[in-house]
């Protein structure tokens, strides 16, 4: 099975940028659909972005479309989430997840099998 470790979170001012990393070990990350989710205090876990195992399909939630970009480095066995023009509403713990489904990546957390421990993103206004 694959193990996932997120990093890159931190404190940023509104309008700033961050790049989150999701480093995989144990298995090749390109064997999985990869999703990014976030959870703010008192809220349910929310879909942010996903990348298909082929690397050809990217999906985003409406709230981040045009501001966030998901990508993958096969050489580094890592998936990235580049976040631009951050807003206070983007503050949350961000999780990456790997799904073994044979289909396209999904926004449903239940369809992902392996999860990282999360990284905190704080956005000051």
N, C-alpha and C. Protein backbone atom coordinates (compact mmCIF):
# COMPACT_ATOMS: atom_id res chain seq x y z
N UNK A 1 0.83 -1.18 0.00
CA UNK A 1 0.00 0.00 0.00
C UNK A 1 0.88 1.24 0.00
N UNK A 2 0.27 2.36 -0.33
CA UNK A 2 1.01 3.62 -0.43
C UNK A 2 0.87 4.39 0.88
N UNK A 3 1.94 5.07 1.24
CA UNK A 3 1.91 6.00 2.38
C UNK A 3 2.06 7.42 1.83
N UNK A 4 1.32 8.35 2.41
CA UNK A 4 1.29 9.73 1.93
C UNK A 4 1.67 10.68 3.06
N UNK A 5 2.51 11.65 2.74
CA UNK A 5 2.92 12.65 3.71
C UNK A 5 2.80 14.03 3.08
N UNK A 6 1.95 14.87 3.67
CA UNK A 6 1.78 16.24 3.18
C UNK A 6 2.77 17.17 3.86
N UNK A 7 3.13 18.21 3.14
CA UNK A 7 3.98 19.27 3.70
C UNK A 7 3.73 20.54 2.92
N UNK A 8 4.28 21.63 3.41
CA UNK A 8 4.19 22.90 2.70
C UNK A 8 3.17 23.87 3.26
N UNK A 9 2.41 23.44 4.24
CA UNK A 9 1.45 24.36 4.84
C UNK A 9 2.16 25.44 5.65
N UNK A 10 1.38 26.43 6.06
CA UNK A 10 1.94 27.51 6.86
C UNK A 10 1.00 28.69 6.92
N UNK A 11 1.55 29.81 7.36
CA UNK A 11 0.78 31.05 7.48
C UNK A 11 1.11 31.94 6.30
N UNK A 12 0.09 32.45 5.65
CA UNK A 12 0.27 33.33 4.50
C UNK A 12 -0.78 34.43 4.56
N UNK A 13 -0.44 35.59 4.03
CA UNK A 13 -1.41 36.68 3.97
C UNK A 13 -2.40 36.44 2.84
N UNK A 14 -3.56 36.97 2.97
CA UNK A 14 -4.55 36.90 1.91
C UNK A 14 -3.95 37.47 0.63
N UNK A 15 -4.19 36.77 -0.47
CA UNK A 15 -3.61 37.15 -1.75
C UNK A 15 -2.30 36.46 -2.05
N UNK A 16 -1.73 35.79 -1.06
CA UNK A 16 -0.46 35.11 -1.23
C UNK A 16 -0.61 33.72 -1.82
N UNK A 17 0.51 33.03 -1.90
CA UNK A 17 0.56 31.71 -2.52
C UNK A 17 1.26 30.71 -1.61
N UNK A 18 0.91 29.45 -1.78
CA UNK A 18 1.59 28.34 -1.13
C UNK A 18 1.59 27.16 -2.08
N UNK A 19 2.58 26.30 -1.94
CA UNK A 19 2.57 25.04 -2.66
C UNK A 19 2.64 23.90 -1.65
N UNK A 20 1.62 23.07 -1.68
CA UNK A 20 1.58 21.89 -0.83
C UNK A 20 2.15 20.69 -1.59
N UNK A 21 2.81 19.82 -0.86
CA UNK A 21 3.36 18.60 -1.43
C UNK A 21 2.73 17.39 -0.77
N UNK A 22 2.57 16.35 -1.55
CA UNK A 22 2.07 15.07 -1.06
C UNK A 22 3.06 14.02 -1.54
N UNK A 23 3.98 13.64 -0.67
CA UNK A 23 5.03 12.69 -1.02
C UNK A 23 4.54 11.27 -0.76
N UNK A 24 4.68 10.43 -1.76
CA UNK A 24 4.22 9.04 -1.65
C UNK A 24 5.41 8.11 -1.47
N UNK A 25 5.18 7.05 -0.73
CA UNK A 25 6.18 5.99 -0.57
C UNK A 25 5.47 4.65 -0.51
N UNK A 26 6.20 3.62 -0.81
CA UNK A 26 5.64 2.29 -0.78
C UNK A 26 5.09 1.84 -2.12
N UNK A 27 4.48 2.73 -2.85
CA UNK A 27 3.96 2.44 -4.18
C UNK A 27 4.14 3.69 -5.03
N UNK A 28 4.07 3.50 -6.34
CA UNK A 28 4.19 4.61 -7.26
C UNK A 28 2.89 5.41 -7.28
N UNK A 29 2.99 6.71 -7.14
CA UNK A 29 1.80 7.54 -7.02
C UNK A 29 0.96 7.51 -8.29
N UNK A 30 1.59 7.24 -9.42
CA UNK A 30 0.85 7.20 -10.68
C UNK A 30 -0.05 5.96 -10.79
N UNK A 31 0.00 5.08 -9.82
CA UNK A 31 -0.93 3.95 -9.77
C UNK A 31 -2.30 4.34 -9.23
N UNK A 32 -2.44 5.58 -8.76
CA UNK A 32 -3.64 6.00 -8.06
C UNK A 32 -4.20 7.30 -8.62
N UNK A 33 -5.50 7.46 -8.47
CA UNK A 33 -6.08 8.78 -8.54
C UNK A 33 -5.75 9.49 -7.23
N UNK A 34 -5.36 10.76 -7.31
CA UNK A 34 -4.98 11.50 -6.12
C UNK A 34 -5.93 12.68 -5.94
N UNK A 35 -6.41 12.81 -4.72
CA UNK A 35 -7.28 13.94 -4.41
C UNK A 35 -6.69 14.78 -3.29
N UNK A 36 -7.01 16.05 -3.33
CA UNK A 36 -6.73 16.97 -2.21
C UNK A 36 -8.08 17.36 -1.60
N UNK A 37 -8.13 17.31 -0.29
CA UNK A 37 -9.31 17.70 0.47
C UNK A 37 -8.87 18.66 1.57
N UNK A 38 -9.82 19.37 2.12
CA UNK A 38 -9.51 20.26 3.23
C UNK A 38 -10.63 20.22 4.25
N UNK A 39 -10.27 20.53 5.48
CA UNK A 39 -11.26 20.54 6.55
C UNK A 39 -10.94 21.67 7.50
N UNK A 40 -11.88 22.58 7.62
CA UNK A 40 -11.78 23.68 8.57
C UNK A 40 -12.51 23.30 9.85
N UNK A 41 -12.17 23.91 10.98
CA UNK A 41 -12.83 23.56 12.25
C UNK A 41 -14.34 23.71 12.15
N UNK A 42 -15.04 22.67 12.58
CA UNK A 42 -16.49 22.70 12.58
C UNK A 42 -17.12 22.37 11.24
N UNK A 43 -16.28 22.16 10.22
CA UNK A 43 -16.80 21.86 8.88
C UNK A 43 -16.51 20.42 8.49
N UNK A 44 -17.25 19.93 7.53
CA UNK A 44 -16.97 18.62 6.98
C UNK A 44 -15.77 18.71 6.03
N UNK A 45 -15.18 17.54 5.78
CA UNK A 45 -14.08 17.50 4.83
C UNK A 45 -14.61 17.84 3.44
N UNK A 46 -13.88 18.69 2.75
CA UNK A 46 -14.34 19.26 1.49
C UNK A 46 -13.36 18.93 0.37
N UNK A 47 -13.89 18.55 -0.77
CA UNK A 47 -13.08 18.28 -1.94
C UNK A 47 -12.46 19.56 -2.46
N UNK A 48 -11.19 19.47 -2.88
CA UNK A 48 -10.49 20.63 -3.43
C UNK A 48 -10.09 20.38 -4.88
N UNK A 49 -9.36 19.28 -5.12
CA UNK A 49 -8.85 19.01 -6.46
C UNK A 49 -8.49 17.54 -6.57
N UNK A 50 -8.43 17.04 -7.81
CA UNK A 50 -8.05 15.66 -8.03
C UNK A 50 -7.32 15.52 -9.35
N UNK A 51 -6.49 14.49 -9.41
CA UNK A 51 -5.69 14.20 -10.59
C UNK A 51 -5.82 12.72 -10.89
N UNK A 52 -6.09 12.40 -12.15
CA UNK A 52 -6.23 11.00 -12.52
C UNK A 52 -4.87 10.31 -12.54
N UNK A 53 -4.88 9.00 -12.47
CA UNK A 53 -3.64 8.24 -12.47
C UNK A 53 -2.87 8.45 -13.76
N UNK A 54 -3.56 8.71 -14.85
CA UNK A 54 -2.89 8.98 -16.12
C UNK A 54 -2.24 10.35 -16.14
N UNK A 55 -2.69 11.22 -15.26
CA UNK A 55 -2.20 12.59 -15.26
C UNK A 55 -2.92 13.49 -16.24
N UNK A 56 -3.87 12.92 -16.98
CA UNK A 56 -4.52 13.68 -18.05
C UNK A 56 -5.75 14.44 -17.58
N UNK A 57 -6.35 14.02 -16.48
CA UNK A 57 -7.61 14.63 -16.03
C UNK A 57 -7.40 15.31 -14.69
N UNK A 58 -7.76 16.58 -14.64
CA UNK A 58 -7.73 17.36 -13.41
C UNK A 58 -9.12 17.91 -13.15
N UNK A 59 -9.56 17.83 -11.90
CA UNK A 59 -10.83 18.41 -11.53
C UNK A 59 -10.64 19.29 -10.30
N UNK A 60 -11.47 20.33 -10.20
CA UNK A 60 -11.37 21.29 -9.11
C UNK A 60 -12.75 21.62 -8.59
N UNK A 61 -12.81 21.96 -7.32
CA UNK A 61 -14.06 22.49 -6.80
C UNK A 61 -14.25 23.89 -7.36
N UNK A 62 -15.49 24.33 -7.39
CA UNK A 62 -15.77 25.66 -7.91
C UNK A 62 -15.08 26.75 -7.10
N UNK A 63 -14.91 26.50 -5.81
CA UNK A 63 -14.35 27.54 -4.95
C UNK A 63 -12.86 27.78 -5.20
N UNK A 64 -12.16 26.84 -5.82
CA UNK A 64 -10.73 27.02 -6.05
C UNK A 64 -10.36 27.06 -7.53
N UNK A 65 -11.31 26.79 -8.39
CA UNK A 65 -11.03 26.74 -9.83
C UNK A 65 -10.46 28.09 -10.29
N UNK A 66 -9.38 28.01 -11.01
CA UNK A 66 -8.72 29.22 -11.48
C UNK A 66 -7.69 29.77 -10.53
N UNK A 67 -7.66 29.27 -9.29
CA UNK A 67 -6.68 29.74 -8.30
C UNK A 67 -5.71 28.65 -7.88
N UNK A 68 -6.15 27.40 -7.91
CA UNK A 68 -5.33 26.26 -7.48
C UNK A 68 -4.99 25.40 -8.69
N UNK A 69 -3.85 24.72 -8.62
CA UNK A 69 -3.45 23.82 -9.68
C UNK A 69 -2.82 22.57 -9.08
N UNK A 70 -3.30 21.42 -9.53
CA UNK A 70 -2.77 20.14 -9.07
C UNK A 70 -1.83 19.60 -10.14
N UNK A 71 -0.71 19.03 -9.70
CA UNK A 71 0.26 18.48 -10.63
C UNK A 71 1.00 17.33 -9.97
N UNK A 72 1.81 16.66 -10.76
CA UNK A 72 2.51 15.47 -10.25
C UNK A 72 3.90 15.40 -10.82
N UNK A 73 4.84 14.98 -10.01
CA UNK A 73 6.19 14.66 -10.46
C UNK A 73 6.42 13.17 -10.28
N UNK A 74 6.48 12.46 -11.38
CA UNK A 74 6.72 11.02 -11.27
C UNK A 74 8.13 10.74 -10.77
N UNK A 75 9.07 11.59 -11.14
CA UNK A 75 10.46 11.40 -10.69
C UNK A 75 10.57 11.51 -9.17
N UNK A 76 9.76 12.40 -8.59
CA UNK A 76 9.78 12.60 -7.14
C UNK A 76 8.69 11.83 -6.42
N UNK A 77 7.84 11.14 -7.20
CA UNK A 77 6.72 10.38 -6.62
C UNK A 77 5.89 11.27 -5.69
N UNK A 78 5.59 12.46 -6.17
CA UNK A 78 4.95 13.49 -5.35
C UNK A 78 3.87 14.19 -6.17
N UNK A 79 2.79 14.52 -5.49
CA UNK A 79 1.72 15.32 -6.08
C UNK A 79 1.72 16.68 -5.37
N UNK A 80 1.50 17.73 -6.15
CA UNK A 80 1.55 19.08 -5.63
C UNK A 80 0.18 19.75 -5.75
N UNK A 81 -0.05 20.69 -4.87
CA UNK A 81 -1.20 21.58 -4.98
C UNK A 81 -0.66 23.00 -4.87
N UNK A 82 -0.59 23.68 -6.00
CA UNK A 82 -0.16 25.07 -6.03
C UNK A 82 -1.38 25.94 -5.80
N UNK A 83 -1.29 26.81 -4.79
CA UNK A 83 -2.42 27.65 -4.41
C UNK A 83 -2.04 29.11 -4.59
N UNK A 84 -2.82 29.82 -5.40
CA UNK A 84 -2.61 31.25 -5.65
C UNK A 84 -3.78 32.03 -5.08
N UNK A 85 -3.55 33.32 -4.89
CA UNK A 85 -4.60 34.25 -4.45
C UNK A 85 -5.40 33.67 -3.29
N UNK A 86 -4.69 33.25 -2.28
CA UNK A 86 -5.36 32.62 -1.15
C UNK A 86 -6.27 33.60 -0.43
N UNK A 87 -7.37 33.06 0.07
CA UNK A 87 -8.39 33.83 0.78
C UNK A 87 -8.52 33.27 2.19
N UNK A 88 -9.00 34.07 3.14
CA UNK A 88 -9.19 33.55 4.49
C UNK A 88 -10.06 32.29 4.52
N UNK A 89 -10.97 32.18 3.57
CA UNK A 89 -11.84 31.00 3.51
C UNK A 89 -11.10 29.75 3.11
N UNK A 90 -9.89 29.87 2.61
CA UNK A 90 -9.09 28.70 2.23
C UNK A 90 -8.38 28.09 3.43
N UNK A 91 -8.40 28.75 4.57
CA UNK A 91 -7.71 28.24 5.75
C UNK A 91 -8.35 26.93 6.20
N UNK A 92 -7.51 25.92 6.38
CA UNK A 92 -8.00 24.58 6.75
C UNK A 92 -6.79 23.66 6.91
N UNK A 93 -7.06 22.46 7.36
CA UNK A 93 -6.07 21.39 7.25
C UNK A 93 -6.28 20.73 5.89
N UNK A 94 -5.22 20.61 5.13
CA UNK A 94 -5.29 20.04 3.80
C UNK A 94 -4.73 18.62 3.82
N UNK A 95 -5.49 17.72 3.22
CA UNK A 95 -5.15 16.30 3.16
C UNK A 95 -5.01 15.85 1.71
N UNK A 96 -4.05 14.98 1.44
CA UNK A 96 -4.05 14.30 0.16
C UNK A 96 -4.49 12.86 0.39
N UNK A 97 -5.04 12.27 -0.67
CA UNK A 97 -5.58 10.93 -0.57
C UNK A 97 -5.36 10.20 -1.88
N UNK A 98 -5.20 8.89 -1.80
CA UNK A 98 -4.99 8.06 -2.98
C UNK A 98 -6.15 7.09 -3.13
N UNK A 99 -6.66 7.00 -4.34
CA UNK A 99 -7.78 6.12 -4.62
C UNK A 99 -7.40 5.05 -5.62
N UNK A 100 -7.84 3.84 -5.37
CA UNK A 100 -7.52 2.71 -6.23
C UNK A 100 -8.57 2.47 -7.30
N UNK A 101 -9.63 3.26 -7.33
CA UNK A 101 -10.68 3.08 -8.33
C UNK A 101 -10.10 3.09 -9.73
N UNK A 102 -10.70 2.30 -10.60
CA UNK A 102 -10.21 2.24 -11.98
C UNK A 102 -10.74 3.39 -12.81
N UNK A 103 -11.76 4.08 -12.31
CA UNK A 103 -12.35 5.16 -13.08
C UNK A 103 -11.64 6.48 -12.86
N UNK A 104 -12.30 7.54 -13.27
CA UNK A 104 -11.76 8.88 -13.13
C UNK A 104 -11.79 9.31 -11.66
N UNK A 105 -10.97 10.28 -11.28
CA UNK A 105 -10.97 10.71 -9.88
C UNK A 105 -12.31 11.33 -9.50
N UNK A 106 -12.64 11.20 -8.25
CA UNK A 106 -13.94 11.62 -7.75
C UNK A 106 -13.78 12.65 -6.65
N UNK A 107 -14.85 13.39 -6.39
CA UNK A 107 -14.84 14.37 -5.32
C UNK A 107 -15.27 13.77 -3.99
N UNK A 108 -15.60 12.48 -3.98
CA UNK A 108 -16.14 11.85 -2.78
C UNK A 108 -15.02 11.22 -1.95
N UNK A 109 -14.87 11.68 -0.73
CA UNK A 109 -13.79 11.22 0.13
C UNK A 109 -13.85 9.72 0.37
N UNK A 110 -15.03 9.16 0.38
CA UNK A 110 -15.20 7.73 0.66
C UNK A 110 -14.58 6.84 -0.41
N UNK A 111 -14.29 7.43 -1.57
CA UNK A 111 -13.73 6.65 -2.67
C UNK A 111 -12.21 6.60 -2.65
N UNK A 112 -11.62 7.23 -1.65
CA UNK A 112 -10.17 7.24 -1.52
C UNK A 112 -9.77 6.30 -0.38
N UNK A 113 -8.72 5.56 -0.63
CA UNK A 113 -8.35 4.47 0.27
C UNK A 113 -7.26 4.83 1.27
N UNK A 114 -6.38 5.73 0.89
CA UNK A 114 -5.22 6.04 1.71
C UNK A 114 -5.14 7.56 1.89
N UNK A 115 -4.82 7.95 3.10
CA UNK A 115 -4.82 9.37 3.46
C UNK A 115 -3.53 9.73 4.17
N UNK A 116 -3.10 10.97 3.95
CA UNK A 116 -2.01 11.52 4.73
C UNK A 116 -2.52 12.10 6.03
N UNK A 117 -1.61 12.69 6.80
CA UNK A 117 -1.97 13.20 8.13
C UNK A 117 -2.43 14.65 8.08
N UNK A 118 -2.22 15.32 6.97
CA UNK A 118 -2.69 16.69 6.81
C UNK A 118 -1.62 17.72 7.09
N UNK A 119 -1.80 18.89 6.50
CA UNK A 119 -0.92 20.03 6.74
C UNK A 119 -1.78 21.27 6.88
N UNK A 120 -1.46 22.10 7.84
CA UNK A 120 -2.29 23.26 8.17
C UNK A 120 -1.96 24.44 7.28
N UNK A 121 -3.00 25.04 6.74
CA UNK A 121 -2.88 26.29 5.99
C UNK A 121 -3.67 27.36 6.72
N UNK A 122 -3.00 28.44 7.06
CA UNK A 122 -3.63 29.57 7.74
C UNK A 122 -3.48 30.80 6.86
N UNK A 123 -4.57 31.51 6.64
CA UNK A 123 -4.57 32.69 5.79
C UNK A 123 -5.03 33.89 6.62
N UNK A 124 -4.17 34.86 6.74
CA UNK A 124 -4.51 36.06 7.51
C UNK A 124 -5.10 37.12 6.59
N UNK A 125 -6.08 37.82 7.13
CA UNK A 125 -6.75 38.85 6.30
C UNK A 125 -6.12 40.22 6.51
